[in-house]
Amino acid sequence: MKSFSIMIAAAALSLSACQNSTDASMVKAPSSVIAPLIGKTLVAESGASFIYNADGTVGGSMGDETVAGTYIVHATDACTVFASPAQLKGKEFCSTPKISGDTVTFHRRDGSTSPTYKITG
């Protein structure tokens, strides 16, 4: 019975240690994954532009439409949820930025990649 009580106590401790691990791995910017892009304008060949702000928001434009959303940084990637434009509204994209010189491409969790963006500003 004593060993059973010790096992229960050990299980409770291990579970309580896990409770904050998700919160600790998800933080608002800046983080090492996205830090080089904070405050920079990312411009695609199509003319679409995105800006990652230090407060965890994303801005920019696609054609005549405004881009707006929020992002959360994880240990190895960032997840962005868009409020606008209509074609992106409610969609979440989780990706790892791959910076090469003055360009960045986002490698998404689903295996796809974004267009290449020129980093300006």
Protein backbone atom coordinates (compact mmCIF):
# COMPACT_ATOMS: atom_id res chain seq x y z
CA MET A 1 0.00 0.00 0.00
CA LYS A 2 2.87 2.34 0.81
CA SER A 3 4.42 1.85 -2.66
CA PHE A 4 1.00 2.50 -4.26
CA SER A 5 0.76 5.84 -2.39
CA ILE A 6 4.25 6.78 -3.56
CA MET A 7 3.30 5.96 -7.17
CA ILE A 8 0.19 8.15 -6.96
CA ALA A 9 2.20 11.02 -5.46
CA ALA A 10 4.83 10.68 -8.22
CA ALA A 11 2.13 10.65 -10.90
CA ALA A 12 0.50 13.77 -9.45
CA LEU A 13 3.83 15.59 -9.39
CA SER A 14 4.64 14.66 -12.97
CA LEU A 15 1.21 15.84 -14.15
CA SER A 16 1.46 19.14 -12.30
CA ALA A 17 4.89 19.72 -13.83
CA CYS A 18 3.34 19.39 -17.31
CA GLN A 19 0.53 21.86 -16.77
CA ASN A 20 2.54 24.97 -17.69
CA SER A 21 4.70 23.42 -20.42
CA THR A 22 2.28 24.41 -23.20
CA ASP A 23 2.06 27.99 -21.94
CA ALA A 24 5.84 28.25 -21.63
CA SER A 25 6.41 27.06 -25.21
CA MET A 26 3.93 29.59 -26.65
CA VAL A 27 4.91 33.21 -26.20
CA LYS A 28 4.08 36.47 -27.89
CA ALA A 29 6.84 37.99 -30.02
CA PRO A 30 9.66 38.66 -30.13
CA SER A 31 11.25 35.27 -30.17
CA SER A 32 14.31 33.94 -31.91
CA VAL A 33 12.17 32.36 -34.66
CA ILE A 34 10.54 35.62 -35.79
CA ALA A 35 12.77 38.29 -34.20
CA PRO A 36 14.73 39.13 -37.38
CA LEU A 37 11.43 39.97 -39.11
CA ILE A 38 9.82 42.16 -36.44
CA GLY A 39 8.98 45.58 -37.85
CA LYS A 40 10.23 44.66 -41.33
CA THR A 41 8.01 44.75 -44.41
CA LEU A 42 7.95 41.46 -46.30
CA VAL A 43 7.06 42.00 -49.98
CA ALA A 44 6.15 39.20 -52.40
CA GLU A 45 6.62 39.42 -56.17
CA SER A 46 2.81 39.76 -56.40
CA GLY A 47 3.03 42.98 -54.38
CA ALA A 48 1.43 41.47 -51.26
CA SER A 49 3.11 42.70 -48.09
CA PHE A 50 3.18 41.57 -44.48
CA ILE A 51 4.57 43.15 -41.32
CA TYR A 52 5.10 41.24 -38.06
CA ASN A 53 4.70 43.69 -35.19
CA ALA A 54 6.32 43.26 -31.77
CA ASP A 55 2.89 43.21 -30.08
CA GLY A 56 1.92 39.91 -31.75
CA THR A 57 -0.10 41.41 -34.59
CA VAL A 58 0.38 41.13 -38.34
CA GLY A 59 -0.44 43.87 -40.83
CA GLY A 60 0.05 44.51 -44.50
CA SER A 61 -1.86 44.47 -47.76
CA MET A 62 -2.92 42.20 -50.59
CA GLY A 63 -3.95 44.29 -53.57
CA ASP A 64 -6.42 46.84 -52.28
CA GLU A 65 -7.24 44.84 -49.16
CA THR A 66 -5.77 45.23 -45.70
CA VAL A 67 -4.09 42.27 -44.04
CA ALA A 68 -4.71 41.97 -40.29
CA GLY A 69 -4.16 39.16 -37.84
CA THR A 70 -2.29 37.88 -34.84
CA TYR A 71 0.51 35.43 -34.34
CA ILE A 72 1.91 33.25 -31.60
CA VAL A 73 5.52 32.10 -31.57
CA HIS A 74 6.35 28.52 -30.65
CA ALA A 75 9.82 27.06 -30.12
CA THR A 76 10.47 26.41 -33.82
CA ASP A 77 7.69 28.15 -35.74
CA ALA A 78 5.07 30.89 -35.67
CA CYS A 79 1.32 30.48 -36.16
CA THR A 80 -0.60 33.33 -37.74
CA VAL A 81 -4.40 33.65 -37.72
CA PHE A 82 -5.85 36.22 -40.10
CA ALA A 83 -8.85 38.51 -39.51
CA SER A 84 -8.61 39.97 -43.03
CA PRO A 85 -8.64 39.95 -46.05
CA ALA A 86 -11.69 37.77 -46.77
CA GLN A 87 -9.71 34.99 -48.50
CA LEU A 88 -7.51 34.57 -45.39
CA LYS A 89 -10.09 35.31 -42.67
CA GLY A 90 -10.05 32.67 -39.93
CA LYS A 91 -7.24 30.67 -41.52
CA GLU A 92 -4.21 29.67 -39.50
CA PHE A 93 -0.77 29.20 -41.01
CA CYS A 94 1.99 27.67 -38.89
CA SER A 95 5.41 27.95 -40.44
CA THR A 96 9.13 28.31 -39.90
CA PRO A 97 10.77 31.31 -41.59
CA LYS A 98 13.88 30.46 -43.61
CA ILE A 99 15.89 33.64 -44.12
CA SER A 100 18.48 33.85 -46.87
CA GLY A 101 20.13 37.24 -47.27
CA ASP A 102 17.34 39.77 -47.76
CA THR A 103 14.61 37.21 -48.53
CA VAL A 104 12.44 34.88 -46.47
CA THR A 105 10.35 31.84 -47.33
CA PHE A 106 7.95 30.28 -44.84
CA HIS A 107 8.00 26.48 -44.58
CA ARG A 108 4.59 25.38 -43.32
CA ARG A 109 3.81 22.44 -41.08
CA ASP A 110 1.77 20.85 -43.89
CA GLY A 111 4.90 20.68 -46.07
CA SER A 112 4.00 23.57 -48.38
CA THR A 113 6.01 26.77 -48.72
CA SER A 114 5.05 30.39 -49.12
CA PRO A 115 6.16 32.63 -51.94
CA THR A 116 9.56 34.23 -51.37
CA TYR A 117 9.35 37.64 -49.71
CA LYS A 118 11.92 40.41 -49.93
CA ILE A 119 12.70 41.81 -46.46
CA THR A 120 12.64 45.61 -46.51
CA GLY A 121 12.65 48.38 -43.95
